[in-house]
Amino acid sequence: MTEPLGAPADVLLQRPWLPVNISGCQLLTKSWFGETAYHVLLTDMQCVWEERMDSAAIQSRAQELNRRLRAPVKAFFSHLCEVVQPCLSDGGGGGGRADGGEAQISLTRQEDGDISMRLKSELAGLPFYWEFHCTPAPVTLVCVQLLRPLLAMSRLLQRQVEQLGGLLVRKDAEIQDYRENGATLSRERLQTDAFNEQIYKEDFMSKVRGSSSGVLRAAGLSGLQQRPPAAVPRHRRPRQHTETQTVRGRLRRAGAARHRGARPHPIFR
C-alpha cells in the first residue's frame, strides 16, 4: 500500500522549525519522513518552499540520479533518512557534512525561485546521490504551518508580558509602601491603575517597526527585547498623619531647605 503524498497536517504541525545553515544560507526547516515518503519545508522568513514525495516518485528520482541502483525504495530509503535528517536539523554544524563526513549537502537557488538541495553519501560502498527540488509552498500551507503558530505564540507572549507588567507595577507599589510604613504593609490590595497601557503599546510598536528587518534576517525574535513597562506617577490618596509621618515630613523639609541654602530648623542641627 502506497503512503499518502506528504505528512498529515496535524503530524507535520507538531514538528518544530529548526535553524540550519546550508551553503551559507540561514534557513528554518521542518520535515517528516515516513516509511517510503517524505515532506520537507524550508523558509528564510521571506518565502516558504516545500517538497512532497511518495514511493513511486522517490523510486523514479533515485534511478535517475543513480544509474546503477536497482534496489526497491524500502532498501535505500532508510539510508536516505539517516543521512539527510542530521543535515536538516543542523547536525552538520554549518550545513556542510553530517555523519562524520560521510554525507555532503549543498543548496542552490534557481532563477525561477525554486530551491535545489543536492546530497551525496555512500551506500554499500558506492556513491549515492539525492536531490530535493523544493518549490514555493501554497498560501494555505504557509498559514497552517508558520503563520498561525506564530500568531498564537505571539498572543501568548503578549499576555505574559501584560501579566508581568502588572506584577512589576504592584511590586513597585509594594516596595514604596514598605519604605513609607516600615515593615508593615498598610494596604491589602495595591492599585494597578498607575500602569499606562497606551504608552507601553506605542513604545513597543515603535521598537517592532524599527527592528523588523533585523528580525527577518535573524529568523527569530531576539531583537525584540523589551524594557519593563514604566509606571505613570501615581495620584496618592490622603493618608492619616501619625507622629512618625510628621517627623519624616520635617526631615524632608529640612533636607530641601539645606539644599536651597536656607537656615535649617534647630532640631536638625
Protein backbone atom coordinates (compact mmCIF):
# COMPACT_ATOMS: atom_id res chain seq x y z
CA MET A 1 0.00 0.00 0.00
CA THR A 2 1.40 3.38 -1.04
CA GLU A 3 1.79 6.03 1.65
CA PRO A 4 -0.17 9.27 1.17
CA LEU A 5 1.67 12.13 -0.51
CA GLY A 6 3.06 14.29 2.29
CA ALA A 7 2.53 14.17 6.02
CA PRO A 8 -0.88 14.70 7.62
CA ALA A 9 -1.24 18.38 8.55
CA ASP A 10 -1.55 17.72 12.28
CA VAL A 11 1.54 15.47 12.30
CA LEU A 12 3.71 18.00 10.49
CA LEU A 13 2.35 20.77 12.69
CA GLN A 14 3.81 19.05 15.75
CA ARG A 15 7.29 19.09 14.23
CA PRO A 16 9.43 22.07 15.30
CA TRP A 17 11.07 24.56 12.97
CA LEU A 18 14.83 24.04 13.26
CA PRO A 19 17.57 26.50 12.25
CA VAL A 20 20.09 25.24 9.71
CA ASN A 21 22.94 26.69 7.70
CA ILE A 22 23.33 25.10 4.28
CA SER A 23 25.86 26.56 1.84
CA GLY A 24 25.89 29.78 3.84
CA CYS A 25 22.09 30.16 3.74
CA GLN A 26 20.35 30.65 7.08
CA LEU A 27 17.06 28.72 6.98
CA LEU A 28 14.40 27.22 9.17
CA THR A 29 13.33 23.67 8.32
CA LYS A 30 10.78 21.14 9.38
CA SER A 31 10.39 17.70 7.89
CA TRP A 32 8.52 14.43 8.11
CA PHE A 33 9.85 11.07 6.89
CA GLY A 34 7.55 8.08 6.68
CA GLU A 35 8.38 4.55 5.60
CA THR A 36 8.67 5.39 1.90
CA ALA A 37 7.60 9.06 1.68
CA TYR A 38 8.67 12.44 2.98
CA HIS A 39 7.59 16.08 3.26
CA VAL A 40 10.19 18.85 3.67
CA LEU A 41 9.60 22.56 4.39
CA LEU A 42 12.17 25.36 4.19
CA THR A 43 11.89 29.08 4.87
CA ASP A 44 14.15 32.12 5.03
CA MET A 45 11.27 34.17 6.54
CA GLN A 46 10.68 35.74 3.15
CA CYS A 47 9.47 32.67 1.27
CA VAL A 48 8.48 29.10 2.14
CA TRP A 49 9.44 26.13 -0.03
CA GLU A 50 8.30 22.52 0.13
CA GLU A 51 8.67 19.13 -1.49
CA ARG A 52 6.40 16.11 -1.08
CA MET A 53 7.45 12.74 -2.43
CA ASP A 54 5.74 9.36 -2.40
CA SER A 55 7.23 5.94 -3.02
CA ALA A 56 6.84 6.00 -6.81
CA ALA A 57 8.40 9.46 -7.17
CA ILE A 58 11.29 8.51 -4.89
CA GLN A 59 11.96 5.35 -6.91
CA SER A 60 11.99 7.29 -10.19
CA ARG A 61 14.33 10.03 -8.96
CA ALA A 62 16.68 7.57 -7.26
CA GLN A 63 17.18 5.63 -10.51
CA GLU A 64 17.60 8.86 -12.47
CA LEU A 65 20.38 10.07 -10.13
CA ASN A 66 21.93 6.63 -9.50
CA ARG A 67 22.03 4.66 -12.73
CA ARG A 68 23.41 1.51 -11.11
CA LEU A 69 20.76 1.43 -8.37
CA ARG A 70 18.31 -1.45 -8.76
CA ALA A 71 17.04 -1.81 -5.19
CA PRO A 72 13.43 -1.06 -4.21
CA VAL A 73 12.59 2.09 -2.25
CA LYS A 74 12.46 0.37 1.15
CA ALA A 75 16.02 -0.90 0.64
CA PHE A 76 17.62 2.55 0.39
CA PHE A 77 15.07 4.95 1.90
CA SER A 78 16.22 4.26 5.47
CA HIS A 79 19.74 5.23 4.39
CA LEU A 80 18.42 8.45 2.86
CA CYS A 81 16.61 9.31 6.10
CA GLU A 82 19.70 8.52 8.16
CA VAL A 83 21.99 10.84 6.23
CA VAL A 84 19.61 13.70 5.45
CA GLN A 85 17.90 14.19 8.81
CA PRO A 86 21.08 15.44 10.57
CA CYS A 87 21.57 17.90 7.71
CA LEU A 88 18.03 19.26 8.20
CA SER A 89 18.48 19.65 11.95
CA ASP A 90 21.84 21.47 11.85
CA GLY A 91 23.59 18.25 12.73
CA GLY A 92 26.32 19.16 10.26
CA GLY A 93 27.31 22.17 12.39
CA GLY A 94 27.17 24.57 9.46
CA GLY A 95 25.38 22.67 6.74
CA GLY A 96 28.35 21.02 5.08
CA ARG A 97 28.67 17.49 6.38
CA ALA A 98 26.92 15.02 8.64
CA ASP A 99 27.65 11.56 9.98
CA GLY A 100 31.35 12.31 10.44
CA GLY A 101 31.83 13.47 6.85
CA GLU A 102 30.05 10.56 5.12
CA ALA A 103 27.30 12.83 3.74
CA GLN A 104 27.64 16.18 2.00
CA ILE A 105 24.80 18.59 1.21
CA SER A 106 24.67 21.80 -0.82
CA LEU A 107 21.94 24.27 -1.68
CA THR A 108 21.29 26.22 -4.89
CA ARG A 109 18.68 28.91 -5.53
CA GLN A 110 17.17 28.58 -9.01
CA GLU A 111 16.32 31.54 -11.26
CA ASP A 112 12.63 30.58 -11.21
CA GLY A 113 12.52 30.90 -7.41
CA ASP A 114 12.86 27.20 -6.60
CA ILE A 115 15.48 25.72 -4.28
CA SER A 116 17.57 22.63 -5.04
CA MET A 117 19.45 20.69 -2.36
CA ARG A 118 21.96 18.10 -3.50
CA LEU A 119 23.04 15.30 -1.18
CA LYS A 120 26.00 12.99 -1.70
CA SER A 121 26.66 9.97 0.52
CA GLU A 122 27.85 6.39 0.31
CA LEU A 123 25.60 3.32 0.20
CA ALA A 124 27.04 -0.21 0.20
CA GLY A 125 30.42 1.13 -0.85
CA LEU A 126 29.03 3.06 -3.83
CA PRO A 127 28.21 6.79 -4.18
CA PHE A 128 24.56 7.61 -3.52
CA TYR A 129 23.12 10.88 -4.83
CA TRP A 130 19.87 12.60 -3.96
CA GLU A 131 18.26 15.93 -4.81
CA PHE A 132 15.45 17.84 -3.16
CA HIS A 133 13.52 20.04 -5.60
CA CYS A 134 11.64 22.50 -3.38
CA THR A 135 9.05 24.84 -4.87
CA PRO A 136 7.18 27.77 -3.25
CA ALA A 137 4.53 26.46 -0.89
CA PRO A 138 0.87 27.42 -1.27
CA VAL A 139 -0.55 30.14 0.97
CA THR A 140 -2.74 27.66 2.83
CA LEU A 141 0.25 25.57 3.88
CA VAL A 142 2.20 28.67 4.97
CA CYS A 143 -0.72 29.82 7.11
CA VAL A 144 -1.18 26.42 8.77
CA GLN A 145 2.47 25.57 9.39
CA LEU A 146 4.02 29.00 10.02
CA LEU A 147 1.68 31.98 10.30
CA ARG A 148 -0.98 30.61 12.64
CA PRO A 149 1.53 29.11 15.13
CA LEU A 150 3.49 32.38 15.14
CA LEU A 151 0.34 34.41 15.79
CA ALA A 152 -0.75 32.06 18.55
CA MET A 153 2.68 32.21 20.20
CA SER A 154 2.79 35.98 19.80
CA ARG A 155 -0.57 36.33 21.52
CA LEU A 156 0.53 34.04 24.34
CA LEU A 157 3.73 36.04 24.86
CA GLN A 158 1.75 39.27 24.75
CA ARG A 159 -0.50 38.03 27.54
CA GLN A 160 2.52 37.04 29.60
CA VAL A 161 4.09 40.47 29.08
CA GLU A 162 0.88 42.13 30.21
CA GLN A 163 0.77 39.96 33.31
CA LEU A 164 4.41 40.66 34.12
CA GLY A 165 3.88 44.38 33.58
CA GLY A 166 1.06 44.37 36.08
CA LEU A 167 3.18 42.40 38.52
CA LEU A 168 6.04 44.89 38.22
CA VAL A 169 3.74 47.79 38.98
CA ARG A 170 2.35 46.03 42.03
CA LYS A 171 5.82 45.16 43.24
CA ASP A 172 6.93 48.78 42.84
CA ALA A 173 3.93 49.94 44.81
CA GLU A 174 4.61 47.32 47.48
CA ILE A 175 8.23 48.43 47.83
CA GLN A 176 7.17 52.05 48.07
CA ASP A 177 4.69 51.15 50.75
CA TYR A 178 7.37 49.32 52.72
CA ARG A 179 9.58 52.38 52.53
CA GLU A 180 6.88 54.67 53.79
CA ASN A 181 5.49 52.43 56.51
CA GLY A 182 8.38 50.34 57.71
CA ALA A 183 7.88 46.58 57.69
CA THR A 184 4.10 46.76 57.93
CA LEU A 185 2.06 46.69 54.73
CA SER A 186 -0.74 49.24 55.13
CA ARG A 187 -2.86 48.17 52.14
CA GLU A 188 -4.05 44.65 51.39
CA ARG A 189 -4.72 45.36 47.73
CA LEU A 190 -2.34 47.58 45.79
CA GLN A 191 -3.86 49.60 42.99
CA THR A 192 -2.53 48.86 39.48
CA ASP A 193 -4.12 51.78 37.61
CA ALA A 194 -0.73 53.55 37.53
CA PHE A 195 0.38 51.46 34.53
CA ASN A 196 -0.33 53.30 31.27
CA GLU A 197 -1.01 50.59 28.72
CA GLN A 198 -1.31 53.01 25.80
CA ILE A 199 2.19 54.43 26.32
CA TYR A 200 3.65 50.94 26.62
CA LYS A 201 1.94 49.74 23.42
CA GLU A 202 3.15 52.77 21.46
CA ASP A 203 6.71 52.20 22.69
CA PHE A 204 6.50 48.50 21.84
CA MET A 205 5.20 49.08 18.32
CA SER A 206 7.87 51.69 17.59
CA LYS A 207 10.54 49.17 18.53
CA VAL A 208 8.91 46.45 16.43
CA ARG A 209 8.85 48.70 13.36
CA GLY A 210 12.44 49.78 13.95
CA SER A 211 13.81 46.24 14.27
CA SER A 212 11.58 44.27 11.89
CA SER A 213 14.24 43.98 9.16
CA GLY A 214 16.81 42.67 11.62
CA VAL A 215 14.32 40.15 12.95
CA LEU A 216 13.67 38.79 9.50
CA ARG A 217 17.38 38.43 8.82
CA ALA A 218 17.89 36.58 12.07
CA ALA A 219 14.76 34.45 11.56
CA GLY A 220 13.85 34.92 15.19
CA LEU A 221 12.64 37.42 17.76
CA SER A 222 15.88 38.12 19.61
CA GLY A 223 15.85 41.77 18.54
CA LEU A 224 12.60 42.49 20.34
CA GLN A 225 13.87 42.53 23.88
CA GLN A 226 11.67 44.97 25.68
CA ARG A 227 12.36 47.02 28.75
CA PRO A 228 9.98 46.64 31.70
CA PRO A 229 6.96 48.94 31.36
CA ALA A 230 7.33 52.24 33.12
CA ALA A 231 4.82 53.26 35.71
CA VAL A 232 2.97 56.56 35.50
CA PRO A 233 3.22 58.82 38.56
CA ARG A 234 0.56 57.71 40.97
CA HIS A 235 -2.05 60.02 42.46
CA ARG A 236 -1.97 59.16 46.12
CA ARG A 237 -4.95 59.26 48.39
CA PRO A 238 -4.82 61.34 51.59
CA ARG A 239 -3.21 59.39 54.41
CA GLN A 240 -3.73 59.77 58.13
CA HIS A 241 -0.80 61.66 59.62
CA THR A 242 0.89 59.97 62.51
CA GLU A 243 3.66 61.21 64.75
CA THR A 244 6.19 59.18 62.76
CA GLN A 245 5.00 60.66 59.47
CA THR A 246 5.17 64.18 60.99
CA VAL A 247 8.82 63.69 61.90
CA ARG A 248 9.50 62.21 58.46
CA GLY A 249 7.93 65.27 56.86
CA ARG A 250 10.12 67.56 58.94
CA LEU A 251 13.17 65.61 57.78
CA ARG A 252 12.21 66.02 54.13
CA ARG A 253 11.54 69.76 54.54
CA ALA A 254 14.82 70.21 56.36
CA GLY A 255 16.74 68.43 53.60
CA ALA A 256 15.10 70.62 50.97
CA ALA A 257 15.88 73.76 52.94
CA ARG A 258 19.54 72.76 53.33
CA HIS A 259 19.77 72.14 49.60
CA ARG A 260 18.45 75.68 48.91
CA GLY A 261 20.95 77.20 51.34
CA ALA A 262 18.28 78.17 53.85
CA ARG A 263 18.87 78.01 57.58
CA PRO A 264 17.63 74.66 58.93
CA HIS A 265 15.36 74.29 61.89
CA PRO A 266 17.29 74.00 65.22
CA ILE A 267 16.07 70.43 65.70
CA PHE A 268 18.16 69.28 62.72
CA ARG A 269 21.47 70.95 63.71
